[in-house]
Protein backbone atom coordinates (compact mmCIF):
# COMPACT_ATOMS: atom_id res chain seq x y z
CA MET A 1 -120.41 48.91 65.82
CA ASN A 2 -122.61 46.07 64.95
CA VAL A 3 -124.48 44.88 68.16
CA PHE A 4 -125.17 41.37 66.57
CA ASP A 5 -121.35 41.06 67.00
CA VAL A 6 -121.73 41.38 70.95
CA PRO A 7 -122.62 38.49 72.95
CA GLN A 8 -126.25 38.83 74.15
CA GLU A 9 -125.26 38.46 77.79
CA VAL A 10 -123.44 42.05 77.08
CA LEU A 11 -126.68 43.44 75.99
CA ARG A 12 -128.48 42.22 78.97
CA ASN A 13 -126.01 43.23 81.40
CA PRO A 14 -124.42 46.85 80.76
CA VAL A 15 -122.68 46.51 84.23
CA SER A 16 -118.67 45.49 84.17
CA GLU A 17 -115.58 45.98 86.19
CA VAL A 18 -115.11 49.04 84.06
CA LEU A 19 -118.55 50.43 85.12
CA ARG A 20 -118.18 49.20 88.73
CA THR A 21 -117.28 51.21 91.83
CA PRO A 22 -117.80 50.87 95.53
CA GLU A 23 -120.96 51.51 97.70
CA SER A 24 -121.78 54.78 98.69
CA SER A 25 -121.58 56.08 102.34
CA PRO A 26 -123.84 58.59 104.11
CA CYS A 27 -122.65 62.05 105.23
CA PRO A 28 -124.01 63.89 108.28
CA SER A 29 -126.94 66.68 108.34
CA THR A 30 -126.14 70.29 108.30
CA ASN A 31 -127.89 73.30 109.21
CA SER A 32 -129.27 73.84 105.68
CA GLY A 33 -130.23 69.89 105.18
CA TYR A 34 -128.86 66.51 104.66
CA GLN A 35 -125.77 65.24 102.84
CA PHE A 36 -125.20 62.08 101.01
CA ALA A 37 -122.05 60.77 99.21
CA PHE A 38 -122.08 58.49 96.60
CA SER A 39 -118.25 59.02 95.82
CA GLU A 40 -115.55 61.43 95.59
CA GLN A 41 -116.91 62.41 92.30
CA LEU A 42 -120.72 62.60 93.28
CA ARG A 43 -122.25 64.19 96.29
CA ALA A 44 -125.96 65.10 97.00
CA HIS A 45 -127.64 67.40 99.34
CA TYR A 46 -131.07 67.46 100.33
CA ASP A 47 -132.59 70.87 101.36
CA PRO A 48 -136.03 70.50 103.45
CA ALA A 49 -137.08 74.25 102.71
CA GLN A 50 -137.39 73.85 99.08
CA GLN A 51 -138.17 70.05 99.26
CA ALA A 52 -135.04 69.92 96.44
CA MET A 53 -132.25 67.52 96.09
CA TRP A 54 -129.03 68.97 94.58
CA SER A 55 -126.35 66.91 93.31
CA ARG A 56 -122.98 68.22 92.26
CA TRP A 57 -120.26 66.12 90.42
CA ALA A 58 -116.39 66.41 90.23
CA PRO A 59 -115.10 63.97 87.69
CA ALA A 60 -111.38 63.52 87.77
CA PRO A 61 -108.77 63.53 86.21
CA ARG A 62 -111.12 65.00 83.24
CA PRO A 63 -114.65 66.71 83.74
CA CYS A 64 -116.05 64.13 81.48
CA PHE A 65 -118.35 60.89 81.95
CA ASN A 66 -115.79 58.62 82.86
CA ALA A 67 -117.02 54.87 83.93
CA GLU A 68 -116.70 55.27 87.44
CA LEU A 69 -118.91 58.64 87.49
CA LEU A 70 -121.42 56.77 85.43
CA SER A 71 -121.65 54.08 87.94
CA ASP A 72 -121.92 56.76 90.61
CA ILE A 73 -124.88 58.35 88.85
CA ARG A 74 -126.79 55.32 88.15
CA ARG A 75 -126.80 54.33 91.84
CA TYR A 76 -127.78 57.81 92.68
CA HIS A 77 -130.62 57.60 90.56
CA ASP A 78 -131.49 54.21 91.98
CA PHE A 79 -131.70 55.76 95.12
CA LEU A 80 -134.16 58.54 94.01
CA GLU A 81 -136.10 56.18 92.24
CA ASN A 82 -136.29 53.93 95.35
CA THR A 83 -137.54 56.92 97.45
CA GLY A 84 -140.85 57.00 95.73
CA GLY A 85 -140.41 60.75 95.94
CA ARG A 86 -140.30 60.91 99.91
CA ILE A 87 -137.06 60.88 101.72
CA ASN A 88 -136.93 59.94 105.51
CA CYS A 89 -134.12 61.88 107.29
CA PHE A 90 -133.60 61.45 110.84
CA GLY A 91 -137.04 60.64 111.73
CA LYS A 92 -138.53 63.20 109.30
CA GLU A 93 -140.27 62.59 106.21
CA HIS A 94 -140.09 65.00 103.36
CA THR A 95 -141.10 65.11 99.73
CA ILE A 96 -138.58 65.48 96.88
CA ASP A 97 -140.31 68.00 94.64
CA TYR A 98 -137.21 69.25 92.62
CA VAL A 99 -133.99 67.39 91.42
CA VAL A 100 -131.22 69.60 90.61
CA LEU A 101 -128.04 68.65 88.56
CA ALA A 102 -125.02 71.03 88.85
CA SER A 103 -121.04 70.68 88.53
CA GLU A 104 -118.50 71.48 91.09
CA LYS A 105 -115.99 71.99 88.63
CA PRO A 106 -115.59 75.65 88.11
CA GLY A 107 -116.09 76.77 84.49
CA VAL A 108 -117.04 73.29 83.55
CA PHE A 109 -120.46 71.49 83.52
CA ASN A 110 -119.35 68.43 81.74
CA LEU A 111 -117.46 67.88 78.48
CA GLY A 112 -119.24 64.59 77.39
CA GLY A 113 -117.54 61.26 76.76
CA ASP A 114 -114.47 59.72 78.11
CA LEU A 115 -112.26 60.13 75.01
CA ASP A 116 -109.18 58.41 76.74
CA LEU A 117 -111.46 55.41 77.60
CA PHE A 118 -112.75 55.35 74.01
CA LYS A 119 -109.06 55.16 72.70
CA ARG A 120 -108.12 52.28 74.97
CA LEU A 121 -111.18 50.19 74.22
CA ILE A 122 -110.99 50.89 70.55
CA ALA A 123 -107.18 49.99 70.62
CA GLU A 124 -107.92 46.86 72.27
CA GLN A 125 -111.01 46.21 69.87
CA ASP A 126 -113.13 45.80 72.91
CA ARG A 127 -116.49 45.92 71.29
CA PRO A 128 -118.49 44.63 74.34
CA GLU A 129 -117.03 47.16 76.67
CA LEU A 130 -117.63 50.22 74.36
CA LEU A 131 -121.18 49.09 74.05
CA ARG A 132 -121.57 48.92 77.89
CA TYR A 133 -120.05 52.32 78.29
CA GLY A 134 -122.65 53.41 75.57
CA ARG A 135 -125.55 51.95 77.13
CA ALA A 136 -124.51 53.41 80.67
CA CYS A 137 -124.56 56.90 79.03
CA ILE A 138 -128.00 56.44 77.75
CA ASP A 139 -129.35 54.99 80.95
CA VAL A 140 -128.52 57.70 82.98
CA LEU A 141 -129.64 60.40 80.53
CA TYR A 142 -132.97 58.66 80.24
CA SER A 143 -133.48 58.18 83.74
CA ASN A 144 -133.19 61.83 84.43
CA TYR A 145 -135.11 62.46 81.55
CA CYS A 146 -138.08 60.33 83.37
CA ALA A 147 -137.40 61.97 86.51
CA PHE A 148 -136.54 58.70 88.07
CA ASP A 149 -140.12 57.48 88.19
CA ILE A 150 -140.88 60.04 90.93
CA PRO A 151 -143.20 63.01 90.82
CA ALA A 152 -140.46 65.77 90.70
CA THR A 153 -139.43 68.46 88.35
CA THR A 154 -135.70 67.96 87.21
CA ILE A 155 -133.44 71.05 86.82
CA SER A 156 -130.22 71.16 85.10
CA LEU A 157 -128.01 74.04 86.39
CA VAL A 158 -125.04 75.00 84.02
CA GLN A 159 -122.33 77.12 85.00
CA GLY A 160 -119.61 76.60 82.86
CA ASP A 161 -118.84 74.45 79.39
CA ALA A 162 -121.22 71.81 78.60
CA LEU A 163 -120.30 69.99 75.43
CA GLY A 164 -121.22 66.95 73.65
CA GLY A 165 -122.94 64.64 76.21
CA GLY A 166 -122.85 67.10 78.74
CA PHE A 167 -124.96 69.33 76.87
CA GLU A 168 -127.29 66.43 76.10
CA THR A 169 -127.56 65.65 79.77
CA ALA A 170 -128.49 69.23 80.77
CA LEU A 171 -131.06 68.97 77.84
CA ALA A 172 -132.65 66.07 79.38
CA SER A 173 -133.90 67.90 82.34
CA ASP A 174 -137.45 69.80 82.73
CA VAL A 175 -135.80 73.10 83.04
CA LEU A 176 -132.27 74.30 81.96
CA ILE A 177 -130.94 77.28 83.79
CA ALA A 178 -127.45 78.66 82.29
CA GLU A 179 -125.11 81.19 83.69
CA GLU A 180 -124.49 83.87 81.00
CA SER A 181 -120.68 82.99 80.47
CA ALA A 182 -121.68 79.36 79.86
CA VAL A 183 -120.87 77.60 76.51
CA LEU A 184 -122.59 74.83 75.12
CA GLY A 185 -122.51 72.79 71.95
CA LEU A 186 -122.45 69.63 70.16
CA PRO A 187 -118.95 69.40 68.53
CA GLU A 188 -119.21 65.88 67.25
CA VAL A 189 -120.03 66.48 63.78
CA LEU A 190 -116.61 68.25 63.27
CA PHE A 191 -114.88 64.59 63.92
CA ASN A 192 -117.44 63.06 61.65
CA LEU A 193 -119.40 61.66 64.52
CA PHE A 194 -122.73 62.22 65.62
CA PRO A 195 -124.34 63.16 69.08
CA GLY A 196 -125.96 59.76 70.02
CA MET A 197 -127.18 60.42 73.31
CA GLY A 198 -130.51 62.01 72.49
CA ALA A 199 -129.47 65.26 71.09
CA TYR A 200 -131.90 65.78 68.26
CA SER A 201 -134.98 64.54 69.99
CA LEU A 202 -134.44 66.85 72.93
CA LEU A 203 -133.81 69.67 71.06
CA SER A 204 -136.33 69.24 68.53
CA ARG A 205 -138.92 69.28 71.67
CA ARG A 206 -137.60 72.55 72.43
CA ILE A 207 -136.95 74.50 69.30
CA GLY A 208 -138.53 72.00 66.51
CA MET A 209 -136.91 69.52 64.24
CA LYS A 210 -135.40 72.16 61.55
CA ALA A 211 -133.69 74.30 64.00
CA ALA A 212 -132.34 71.34 66.00
CA GLU A 213 -130.87 69.75 62.83
CA GLU A 214 -129.20 72.91 62.06
CA LEU A 215 -127.54 73.38 65.65
CA ILE A 216 -126.33 69.61 65.23
CA LEU A 217 -125.06 69.97 62.14
CA SER A 218 -123.09 73.30 62.56
CA GLY A 219 -121.09 71.93 65.28
CA GLN A 220 -121.17 75.32 66.75
CA LEU A 221 -120.44 76.04 70.18
CA MET A 222 -123.15 78.87 71.51
CA SER A 223 -123.47 81.21 74.43
CA ALA A 224 -125.91 80.60 76.94
CA ARG A 225 -127.58 83.91 75.80
CA LYS A 226 -127.83 82.83 72.08
CA LEU A 227 -129.46 79.70 73.28
CA HIS A 228 -131.71 81.39 75.75
CA GLU A 229 -132.86 83.62 72.78
CA MET A 230 -133.34 80.45 70.64
CA GLY A 231 -135.52 78.73 73.66
CA VAL A 232 -132.89 76.24 74.45
CA VAL A 233 -132.26 77.78 77.58
CA ASP A 234 -135.25 78.25 79.86
CA VAL A 235 -133.41 80.69 82.47
CA LEU A 236 -130.35 82.94 81.91
CA ALA A 237 -128.62 83.98 84.98
CA PRO A 238 -125.72 86.31 85.79
CA ASP A 239 -122.35 84.86 86.24
CA GLY A 240 -122.15 83.56 89.86
CA ARG A 241 -125.93 83.88 90.30
CA GLY A 242 -126.75 80.32 89.00
CA GLU A 243 -127.73 78.87 92.29
CA SER A 244 -129.68 81.82 93.60
CA ALA A 245 -131.46 81.82 90.10
CA THR A 246 -132.34 78.28 90.68
CA ARG A 247 -133.84 78.62 93.98
CA GLU A 248 -135.64 81.78 93.10
CA TRP A 249 -137.34 79.82 90.19
CA ILE A 250 -138.19 76.90 92.54
CA ALA A 251 -139.83 79.65 95.10
CA ARG A 252 -141.70 81.28 92.28
CA THR A 253 -143.00 77.68 90.96
CA GLU A 254 -144.18 76.96 94.18
CA LYS A 255 -145.92 80.00 94.88
CA ARG A 256 -147.68 79.51 91.46
CA ARG A 257 -148.66 75.81 92.52
CA ASN A 258 -149.82 76.91 95.90
CA GLY A 259 -151.89 79.50 94.08
């Protein structure tokens, strides 16, 4: 795609009808914290005991970054940024020290780009909409990488397959926690494509440029255990123990932080 073929108003404004969804709605509090609903595909939960905001996505019909989910994530990230790292729930103010990203889909974290959307837009020769979609993907990944401009530690909890853009999104967090049966990888090269959401930069920061290049060009899907040995995965958790491993990591970190 040549961006110079695209009208400048498209470059300035990545929002479109394809990427627009209804406003979010609040959910009631529970004994363990506060609930926030951004759509049927994205919900968040704030745990005041650990000052942690958890989000879980459930994209449908495929566990990928469909356009509606991207809009939901953008709205969620804007919500986090606008808090300034402090959230007021029912008259009580709390800090947001940790932001955890996970999936509600059993066995799948995220499979990356929306191939059905790609196919349709390519058939329609709709370059502006493809560009908007690509920019929306980059925007939400970069927002997570920058921790939403709040003083929080970001954590990706991978409890299933994380492929392509799904793997890149997991890499964009400060800490990557994965269950042993999870499979992660960048298969784009097998289709004469390149992982364009930051894979090389994100991997090279963890394992160096040479190892990052080798992993990308191999197109291999790797176990969480292997990637833990390589230094890509920070914490390896037994299957079914990912959430508790995340809470334990937060507790250990808080203990060190408090001396």
